[in-house]
Structures are given as structure tokens and as C-alpha cells.
Protein backbone atom coordinates (compact mmCIF):
# COMPACT_ATOMS: atom_id res chain seq x y z
CA MET A 1 0.08 -0.03 -0.06
CA VAL A 2 1.31 3.13 -1.39
CA LYS A 3 1.17 6.17 1.17
CA PHE A 4 0.71 9.78 0.62
CA ASN A 5 3.86 11.46 2.14
CA ILE A 6 5.61 15.05 1.36
CA LEU A 7 8.10 13.56 -1.23
CA PHE A 8 5.04 11.70 -3.38
CA ILE A 9 3.20 15.25 -3.07
CA VAL A 10 6.49 17.26 -4.36
CA LEU A 11 7.30 14.83 -7.39
CA ILE A 12 3.26 14.55 -8.45
CA SER A 13 2.69 18.65 -8.33
CA TYR A 14 5.35 19.27 -11.03
CA ALA A 15 3.30 18.92 -13.70
CA PHE A 16 0.93 21.37 -12.44
CA SER A 17 2.94 23.99 -10.58
CA PRO A 18 4.45 27.29 -11.89
CA LYS A 19 8.18 28.71 -10.91
CA ILE A 20 8.30 31.01 -8.66
CA GLY A 21 11.17 34.02 -8.62
CA LEU A 22 12.90 37.51 -7.76
CA ASN A 23 13.63 39.82 -10.28
CA ASN A 24 13.52 37.21 -13.39
CA SER A 25 15.62 34.25 -11.42
CA PHE A 26 13.12 31.79 -11.30
CA ILE A 27 12.69 28.11 -9.27
CA TYR A 28 10.49 25.44 -8.52
CA LEU A 29 9.26 25.64 -4.99
CA GLN A 30 9.27 21.71 -5.65
CA ASP A 31 13.56 22.26 -5.36
CA ILE A 32 13.28 23.92 -2.13
CA LEU A 33 11.43 21.19 -0.77
CA LEU A 34 12.93 18.18 -2.41
CA TYR A 35 16.34 19.72 -1.40
CA SER A 36 15.13 20.16 2.49
CA TYR A 37 13.50 16.38 2.17
CA ILE A 38 17.01 15.16 1.33
CA GLY A 39 18.40 17.07 4.01
CA PHE A 40 16.22 16.00 6.69
CA PHE A 41 17.11 12.54 5.95
CA VAL A 42 20.94 13.03 6.27
CA LEU A 43 20.75 14.61 9.13
CA LEU A 44 19.12 11.87 10.94
CA GLY A 45 21.20 9.76 9.40
CA LYS A 46 18.89 7.42 7.44
CA ILE A 47 20.80 7.40 4.30
CA GLU A 48 20.87 4.39 1.73
CA THR A 49 24.53 3.42 0.66
CA LYS A 50 23.49 1.60 -2.29
CA TYR A 51 24.23 4.37 -4.52
CA LEU A 52 27.66 5.88 -3.01
CA LYS A 53 29.69 5.61 -5.92
CA ILE A 54 27.15 7.56 -7.61
CA ILE A 55 27.09 9.87 -4.80
CA PHE A 56 30.20 10.34 -4.28
CA ILE A 57 30.89 11.61 -8.17
CA VAL A 58 28.27 14.03 -8.03
CA TRP A 59 29.71 15.41 -4.61
CA PHE A 60 33.55 15.12 -6.74
CA LEU A 61 31.91 16.99 -9.13
CA GLN A 62 29.88 19.62 -6.90
CA MET A 63 33.28 20.41 -5.25
CA TYR A 64 35.04 20.95 -8.67
CA LEU A 65 32.26 23.09 -9.71
CA PHE A 66 32.14 25.12 -6.63
CA VAL A 67 35.72 25.67 -7.04
CA SER A 68 35.24 26.73 -10.71
CA PHE A 69 32.86 29.49 -9.49
CA LEU A 70 35.38 30.75 -7.03
CA PHE A 71 38.39 30.84 -9.85
CA THR A 72 36.00 32.23 -12.75
CA LYS A 73 32.97 34.16 -11.20
CA GLU A 74 31.03 31.98 -13.97
CA ILE A 75 27.07 31.64 -12.63
CA ILE A 76 26.82 28.17 -14.85
CA HIS A 77 28.96 26.86 -12.35
CA LEU A 78 26.06 27.03 -9.43
CA GLN A 79 24.03 26.49 -11.95
CA TYR A 80 25.37 22.75 -12.78
CA PHE A 81 25.89 23.01 -8.84
CA LYS A 82 22.31 23.44 -8.54
CA GLN A 83 21.04 20.46 -10.56
CA LEU A 84 23.64 17.75 -9.10
CA LEU A 85 22.24 18.71 -5.96
CA ILE A 86 18.81 16.77 -6.65
CA PHE A 87 21.13 13.61 -7.24
CA ASN A 88 21.55 13.26 -3.52
CA LEU A 89 18.06 11.94 -3.64
CA LEU A 90 19.64 8.89 -3.81
CA LEU A 91 20.79 8.89 -0.30
CA VAL A 92 17.16 8.33 1.00
CA PRO A 93 16.36 4.81 1.52
CA THR A 94 15.25 2.34 -0.81
CA LYS A 95 12.42 1.02 0.79
CA TYR A 96 11.12 4.25 1.82
CA ILE A 97 10.53 4.94 -1.89
CA THR A 98 9.30 1.53 -3.41
CA GLU A 99 7.08 1.74 -0.38
CA ASN A 100 5.80 5.07 -0.57
CA ILE A 101 5.82 6.38 -4.53
CA ASN A 102 3.88 5.51 -7.02
CA THR A 103 5.52 5.96 -10.02
CA LYS A 104 2.21 5.44 -12.20
CA LYS A 105 0.25 8.13 -10.44
CA ILE A 106 3.41 10.57 -11.32
CA ILE A 107 3.10 9.72 -14.80
CA LEU A 108 -0.84 10.06 -14.85
CA ALA A 109 -0.09 13.80 -13.67
CA TRP A 110 1.71 13.88 -16.51
CA ILE A 111 -0.35 12.54 -18.92
CA ILE A 112 -3.29 14.52 -17.71
CA ILE A 113 -1.20 17.79 -18.35
CA GLY A 114 0.11 16.87 -21.47
CA VAL A 115 -3.35 15.88 -22.91
CA ALA A 116 -4.92 19.25 -21.79
CA ASN A 117 -2.33 20.54 -23.73
CA LEU A 118 -3.04 19.04 -26.78
CA PHE A 119 -6.73 19.43 -26.69
CA LEU A 120 -5.73 23.71 -26.38
CA ILE A 121 -3.27 23.19 -29.41
CA ILE A 122 -6.59 21.70 -31.21
CA PHE A 123 -9.04 24.47 -29.71
CA THR A 124 -6.28 27.09 -31.12
CA PHE A 125 -6.60 25.25 -34.51
CA PHE A 126 -10.37 25.35 -34.76
CA GLN A 127 -10.20 29.25 -33.66
CA GLU A 128 -7.41 31.06 -34.73
CA HIS A 129 -5.66 29.69 -37.81
CA PRO A 130 -7.08 27.82 -40.58
CA SER A 131 -3.36 26.92 -41.96
CA PHE A 132 -2.32 25.81 -38.35
CA ILE A 133 -0.51 22.87 -39.25
CA THR A 134 1.95 24.80 -41.52
CA TYR A 135 3.27 26.98 -39.12
CA LEU A 136 2.88 24.64 -36.30
CA PHE A 137 6.40 23.36 -36.60
CA ASP A 138 8.25 26.82 -36.27
CA TYR A 139 8.54 26.72 -32.90
CA SER A 140 6.03 29.65 -32.31
CA PRO A 141 6.26 29.40 -27.85
CA LYS A 142 2.40 29.87 -27.95
CA TYR A 143 1.67 26.31 -29.16
CA ARG A 144 4.50 24.66 -27.19
CA ILE A 145 3.14 21.95 -25.12
CA MET A 146 5.35 22.38 -21.49
CA GLY A 147 2.54 21.50 -19.24
CA MET A 148 3.24 24.34 -16.86
CA THR A 149 6.94 24.02 -16.79
CA GLY A 150 7.47 27.08 -19.03
CA THR A 151 5.60 29.11 -16.84
CA GLY A 152 6.57 31.11 -13.93
CA ILE A 153 5.61 34.16 -11.10
CA ASP A 154 8.01 36.69 -10.52
CA LEU A 155 7.31 37.28 -6.68
CA LEU A 156 8.87 41.15 -6.79
CA ASN A 157 7.01 42.59 -9.05
CA GLY A 158 4.11 40.47 -9.54
CA VAL A 159 4.19 39.96 -13.27
CA PHE A 160 3.42 36.24 -15.02
CA ARG A 161 5.20 34.58 -17.88
CA SER A 162 3.37 31.83 -19.62
CA SER A 163 4.09 28.91 -21.84
CA PHE A 164 1.39 29.76 -23.63
CA ASN A 165 1.82 34.12 -24.62
CA GLY A 166 5.23 33.83 -25.86
CA LYS A 167 7.05 35.12 -22.62
CA GLU A 168 7.80 31.46 -21.18
CA VAL A 169 10.05 30.52 -18.72
CA GLY A 170 12.98 29.06 -20.13
CA THR A 171 13.13 26.79 -22.92
CA THR A 172 11.88 23.52 -21.68
CA SER A 173 10.36 21.53 -24.86
CA ILE A 174 13.02 19.55 -25.31
CA SER A 175 13.35 18.14 -21.60
CA THR A 176 9.10 17.55 -22.08
CA SER A 177 9.74 15.87 -25.17
CA ILE A 178 12.00 13.47 -23.20
CA LEU A 179 10.17 13.09 -20.58
CA TYR A 180 6.86 11.69 -22.41
CA GLY A 181 9.54 9.94 -24.50
CA LEU A 182 10.20 8.05 -20.97
CA ILE A 183 6.26 7.66 -20.22
CA PHE A 184 5.62 6.61 -23.51
CA LEU A 185 8.02 3.78 -22.98
CA TYR A 186 6.95 3.14 -19.67
CA LEU A 187 3.51 2.93 -20.95
CA CYS A 188 4.71 0.37 -23.33
CA ILE A 189 6.16 -1.74 -20.66
CA TYR A 190 3.61 -1.50 -18.13
CA LYS A 191 0.62 -2.98 -19.92
CA ALA A 192 -0.53 -4.96 -23.02
CA ASN A 193 -3.84 -3.17 -23.65
CA ASN A 194 -3.19 0.90 -23.72
CA LYS A 195 -2.08 1.02 -27.05
CA ILE A 196 -4.63 4.04 -27.81
CA ILE A 197 -2.83 5.98 -24.78
CA VAL A 198 0.21 4.96 -25.84
CA PHE A 199 -0.61 6.69 -29.47
CA ILE A 200 -1.90 9.57 -27.43
CA ILE A 201 1.29 9.86 -25.74
CA PHE A 202 3.21 9.75 -29.33
CA PHE A 203 1.17 12.89 -30.39
CA ILE A 204 2.24 15.04 -27.29
CA ILE A 205 5.61 14.25 -28.30
CA ILE A 206 5.40 15.32 -31.93
CA PHE A 207 3.65 18.82 -30.72
CA THR A 208 6.44 19.59 -28.03
CA PHE A 209 7.76 20.88 -31.22
CA SER A 210 11.30 18.62 -30.26
CA ARG A 211 12.96 15.72 -32.05
CA ALA A 212 14.40 14.67 -28.92
CA GLY A 213 11.30 12.04 -27.64
CA MET A 214 11.71 10.84 -31.31
CA LEU A 215 15.47 10.12 -30.81
CA ILE A 216 14.54 8.71 -27.34
CA LEU A 217 12.00 6.28 -29.38
CA PHE A 218 14.69 5.58 -32.08
CA PHE A 219 17.46 4.42 -29.73
CA SER A 220 14.85 2.38 -27.61
CA ILE A 221 14.59 0.57 -31.07
CA PHE A 222 18.19 -0.78 -30.67
CA ALA A 223 17.97 -1.11 -26.62
CA ILE A 224 15.00 -3.66 -26.84
CA TYR A 225 17.46 -6.61 -27.00
CA THR A 226 17.81 -5.41 -22.99
CA LEU A 227 14.22 -6.75 -22.67
CA PRO A 228 13.26 -10.18 -21.65
CA ARG A 229 10.76 -11.97 -24.89
CA GLU A 230 7.55 -11.34 -22.77
CA LYS A 231 8.49 -7.79 -22.59
CA ARG A 232 9.92 -6.93 -25.92
CA ILE A 233 6.92 -8.21 -27.68
CA ARG A 234 4.89 -6.15 -25.46
CA TYR A 235 6.67 -3.20 -26.29
CA ILE A 236 6.57 -4.02 -30.00
CA SER A 237 3.26 -4.44 -30.00
CA ASN A 238 2.17 -1.60 -28.24
CA ASN A 239 4.30 1.17 -30.25
CA PHE A 240 3.58 -0.45 -33.26
CA ILE A 241 0.77 1.81 -34.69
CA VAL A 242 3.34 4.57 -33.58
CA PHE A 243 6.16 3.28 -35.87
CA ILE A 244 3.72 2.96 -38.72
CA SER A 245 2.88 6.66 -38.28
CA ILE A 246 6.76 8.01 -38.25
CA ILE A 247 6.99 6.15 -41.41
CA ILE A 248 3.68 7.81 -42.52
CA LEU A 249 5.02 11.23 -40.95
CA MET A 250 8.22 10.78 -42.94
CA ILE A 251 6.75 10.20 -46.42
CA LEU A 252 4.40 12.51 -46.35
CA THR A 253 6.95 15.57 -45.25
CA ILE A 254 9.14 14.79 -47.98
CA TYR A 255 7.05 14.96 -50.15
CA GLY A 256 5.60 18.26 -49.03
CA LEU A 257 2.23 16.79 -48.79
CA VAL A 258 1.27 17.90 -45.36
CA LEU A 259 4.57 20.84 -44.67
CA ILE A 260 5.53 19.96 -41.47
CA ASN A 261 8.76 21.11 -41.45
CA LYS A 262 10.31 20.35 -37.94
CA PHE A 263 9.72 16.52 -39.20
CA ASP A 264 11.04 17.25 -42.84
CA PHE A 265 14.03 14.49 -42.61
CA SER A 266 14.79 15.30 -46.63
CA ASN A 267 15.72 19.22 -45.47
CA PRO A 268 18.49 19.57 -43.16
CA ASP A 269 17.67 23.50 -42.79
CA THR A 270 14.06 22.89 -41.56
CA PHE A 271 14.83 19.36 -39.50
CA ILE A 272 18.14 19.46 -38.16
CA THR A 273 19.56 22.43 -36.29
CA ALA A 274 22.88 20.32 -36.06
CA SER A 275 24.40 22.92 -38.51
CA LYS A 276 24.57 25.51 -36.08
CA ARG A 277 25.53 22.82 -33.46
CA LEU A 278 28.44 21.93 -35.23
CA VAL A 279 29.81 25.50 -35.59
CA LEU A 280 29.74 25.22 -31.61
CA TRP A 281 31.31 21.95 -31.25
CA SER A 282 34.24 22.62 -33.93
CA ALA A 283 34.97 25.85 -31.91
CA ILE A 284 35.54 24.04 -28.97
CA LEU A 285 37.84 21.10 -30.33
CA ASP A 286 39.76 24.19 -32.08
CA PHE A 287 40.07 25.65 -28.50
CA PHE A 288 41.51 22.56 -27.21
CA GLN A 289 43.50 21.63 -30.43
CA LEU A 290 45.50 25.08 -29.85
CA ASN A 291 45.14 24.68 -26.28
CA PRO A 292 45.94 20.91 -25.22
CA GLU A 293 47.27 21.99 -21.80
CA GLN A 294 43.41 23.12 -20.78
CA LEU A 295 42.21 19.76 -21.75
CA THR A 296 42.23 18.25 -18.10
CA PHE A 297 40.33 21.41 -16.55
CA GLY A 298 38.74 23.26 -19.13
CA LEU A 299 38.42 26.66 -18.83
CA VAL A 300 38.46 26.33 -15.32
CA LEU A 301 42.15 28.00 -14.85
CA SER A 302 41.47 29.98 -17.95
CA PRO A 303 40.70 33.75 -18.37
CA LYS A 304 38.25 32.87 -21.19
CA ASN A 305 34.64 31.81 -21.10
CA ALA A 306 32.38 29.89 -23.04
CA LEU A 307 31.09 33.16 -24.98
CA ASN A 308 35.20 33.78 -26.23
CA ILE A 309 35.66 30.74 -27.49
CA MET A 310 31.73 30.32 -29.15
CA ASN A 311 30.12 33.73 -29.32
CA TYR A 312 27.73 31.89 -27.54
CA SER A 313 27.22 30.84 -24.06
CA TYR A 314 25.66 27.23 -24.24
CA GLY A 315 27.43 24.62 -26.24
CA GLU A 316 24.43 23.06 -27.05
CA SER A 317 24.92 19.58 -25.36
CA LEU A 318 25.57 18.49 -21.93
CA PHE A 319 28.62 16.92 -22.83
CA PHE A 320 30.36 19.29 -25.19
CA ASP A 321 29.47 21.96 -22.58
CA VAL A 322 31.04 20.23 -19.30
CA PHE A 323 34.06 19.45 -21.82
CA LEU A 324 34.35 22.75 -22.62
CA ASN A 325 33.97 23.93 -18.81
CA TYR A 326 35.37 21.30 -16.97
CA GLY A 327 37.75 19.56 -19.24
CA LEU A 328 38.46 15.57 -18.97
CA ILE A 329 37.51 14.99 -15.95
CA GLY A 330 34.24 16.56 -15.77
CA LEU A 331 33.42 15.00 -19.16
CA ILE A 332 34.45 11.41 -17.70
CA ALA A 333 32.64 12.00 -13.92
CA PHE A 334 29.65 12.72 -15.63
CA LEU A 335 29.67 9.90 -17.98
CA LEU A 336 30.51 7.46 -15.33
CA ILE A 337 27.30 8.61 -13.79
CA LEU A 338 25.04 7.11 -16.70
CA VAL A 339 27.77 3.95 -16.92
CA ILE A 340 26.93 2.77 -13.35
CA MET A 341 23.39 3.63 -13.27
CA TRP A 342 22.80 2.05 -16.32
CA SER A 343 25.04 -1.04 -15.03
CA GLN A 344 23.11 -1.00 -11.68
CA LEU A 345 19.70 -1.38 -13.30
CA TYR A 346 20.98 -3.99 -15.75
CA ALA A 347 22.55 -6.39 -13.10
CA ASN A 348 19.17 -6.44 -11.30
CA THR A 349 17.47 -9.61 -11.49
CA ASN A 350 13.77 -8.80 -10.75
CA THR A 351 12.08 -9.69 -13.87
CA LYS A 352 9.01 -8.07 -12.88
CA ASN A 353 10.63 -4.45 -12.61
CA VAL A 354 8.58 -2.13 -15.15
CA GLU A 355 11.09 1.01 -13.88
CA LYS A 356 14.05 -1.09 -14.79
CA TYR A 357 13.13 -2.16 -18.56
CA THR A 358 11.40 1.10 -18.83
CA LEU A 359 15.08 3.06 -18.09
CA LEU A 360 16.87 0.23 -20.14
CA LEU A 361 14.89 1.10 -22.80
CA PHE A 362 15.56 5.25 -22.36
CA MET A 363 18.73 5.62 -21.14
CA PRO A 364 20.69 5.17 -24.28
CA GLY A 365 18.56 7.96 -25.95
CA LEU A 366 19.03 10.17 -23.05
CA THR A 367 22.71 9.68 -23.57
CA ALA A 368 22.31 10.48 -27.08
CA VAL A 369 20.18 13.29 -26.77
CA ASN A 370 22.16 14.99 -24.08
CA LEU A 371 25.32 14.81 -26.66
CA MET A 372 23.32 16.09 -29.23
CA ALA A 373 21.13 18.60 -28.00
CA GLY A 374 20.57 20.37 -24.13
CA SER A 375 21.45 19.38 -20.80
CA SER A 376 18.20 17.39 -19.97
CA LEU A 377 19.72 15.52 -17.57
CA LEU A 378 19.84 17.88 -15.02
CA THR A 379 16.17 19.23 -15.52
CA ASP A 380 14.79 19.67 -12.26
CA PHE A 381 11.26 18.71 -13.18
CA MET A 382 12.32 15.48 -15.01
CA LEU A 383 15.24 14.34 -12.65
CA PRO A 384 13.29 13.61 -9.64
CA LEU A 385 11.25 11.49 -11.85
CA ILE A 386 14.36 9.49 -13.48
CA LEU A 387 15.94 9.43 -9.98
CA ILE A 388 12.72 7.35 -8.48
CA MET A 389 12.37 5.33 -11.27
CA PHE A 390 16.07 4.40 -10.96
CA VAL A 391 16.02 3.44 -7.21
CA LYS A 392 12.78 1.29 -7.82
CA GLY A 393 14.24 0.11 -11.26
CA THR A 394 17.39 -1.33 -9.11
CA SER A 395 15.19 -2.47 -6.34
CA ASN A 396 14.20 -6.73 -5.98
CA GLY A 397 11.34 -5.82 -3.90
């Protein structure tokens, strides 16, 4: 019997809550509650030791980040520091999480907010623009499905910024797309009779206006061989209609029949923003080629910052950005976290564990997306759910 507790309330309320801020600096109230909750368990001395390898790497990274901030005074180090704090959720005893947290209910909250936004888009189509589909994929913030994740209230001046008025707080469509990719995989593994819901989630992924969720599903096709035969058949059965839809979508857009340019695989200028990213990544690699002494620590001991190197403040990739700012030390540490998480999931012998198999399908795509896009691994509203599923996925109970 799952109990209703503070941690569960925090996790389930992310989907419905706006951010709060002072002077345009926004944070989820849930983040503060989550940090306090973790601190409470640490002070009581009731901590989980099963994940100490990951925690030690996180602590090392946090010390490294803080020293980096002292040297460079760059605020990005504190932003990374804040997000890594969430990993300390792994200190909460496994038994407490498995007995008190219901993954299905947290996912249901996100499904509700996603479906509500899907209806909003359909309503807007009928109310505002007869050719809505032609500009739908032009990254117009007004029509992105972000739940409440892009909405915030500034307590200092009372200004309300919404995902739906073009002045959203943060660009969260990539992370939201990945989140629904995770939900999609969970539903495929969880039950064999939810094809309609799976198909709806597929449409929600499309209407996040990000290709990240699609990339997650693409990599899950290759990761499917980590599943036992029974769950593999269920996974294929549940999303067969989605695979067919993707193929149809590709064919229609290639031939210009629906003009959904963000999914036109034949046109690199509209489908792929990689050309812009490649310019940034090339600048990073050129910098290290000219300054090999910086490879170990990155820009930590350099008077330069990312803006000096790329003419842009962020590397449009978690791994490239970490590599630039923290060198090989930081990059290896981040990769180790992912490797350890995946190996612990794979080592779990519980054949009925839904979270385990969901994450085995999910993590290869998550790694790829964080290489090619933003730092969604550290997204505040998504990381707690991933960690909770990781704890449950490595549990034999």
C-alpha cells in the first residue's frame, strides 16, 4: 500500500506548478522542498549506501564546480551545482521510496497536463488559424506543450510569464519531449492493453516541437534486446502503430504533402539544427587543439569563458558544454554517472520490474540526446522522476 507523503506530493505536483522567482530568477518551489527533504534524511543519519558510487562522483563534481565558480565567477557553475543537488535523492532509503512512491500516479499527472495542452492546440487550430499545421513547427512558444514547466510568477514585481504567451520561463520543450518519451516507454512496458494511450502520448511528443522524444524512441528500438522476450513482444505490440505513424509522417513531409517542416527529414535546414551545433562544437574542439594544456580542466583555470570561445554562452550539448568548462575530468565524471546507473539497472534480477526495463530502453536515447542537444539530464522537473524510477528499477522488491 503506497502512502501519501511529502516526497510523493512534491513529485506529483511538478506537472501542475508554475515556477516562482525574484527579479527574473525562477525556481520551482518543489526544488526547495526536495532539497530540504533530502537534508532531513541526511541529518537523521538514515541514508542509502547502495548508490554511494554515484553520490561520491556527484559530490566530487559539486566541489569541482564550486572551486570553478571561485576561480571564474561564472554563474553557470552554480547552475550545474544546483541541479546536481537533486542526485542526493539517492541517499533516501530505498525501502522508503519503494513503499511510498507510486510511479504510475506521477506519470498520470504528466499525462493529464499533456492531454490538456493537446486539447489547447486543437482548440487553437479551430479558433485562430485555418492553416495552423503549416506553421505549427516553427518553434512558436505560444503553442508548445510544456505543461506548467515554462510558466512562472515573479513575486517581486507580480509579472506572470506563461508558456502560451511567447514569454515562457526557460526553454523546456526538449526536456518535456524527453519526459514524454520516458512515459511512452513506461506505458509500453507496463500493460499490453493501452495502445490508445500510447498513441496519444506519441502525439504529445510530436507537439512538444522537439525531435528529442523521437530520438529517445529511435534508440529504444536498438535497446529492445536488453528486454526479455515477453516484454520485448509487448513493447513492439504497443508501439507498432507509432512506428507506422512515424514512417507515414516521414513520407508525407518528404513529399511536401503536409508541410510539417520540423519533421522533414529530407531538408537539413528545417529538420536539423545540427549545422548550428556543429559550428559550436567545432569551435570547442579547435580551442582544445590550439590549447592542449586546457584539456584536463577546461576553462576552469583560463581567463576565457564559453562566450569567448563560441560566441555563445552554452554548447548546445551537455557533454560538449561540460567538456569545454571542466575538461576531461568533468566529462568523464558525468559519463561515469550514466554508466554506473545503467550497469546497476542491468544487474537487477527482478524480471517483473517495470521501472528497470523502462530505463534500460530510455537511457541510451537520453545519453544521445544530451550529446546532441541540451542538458536534459539535469532538468529539475524530470530528474527527480528518473531517479525515483532508478531506485525502484534497481530494487528487487
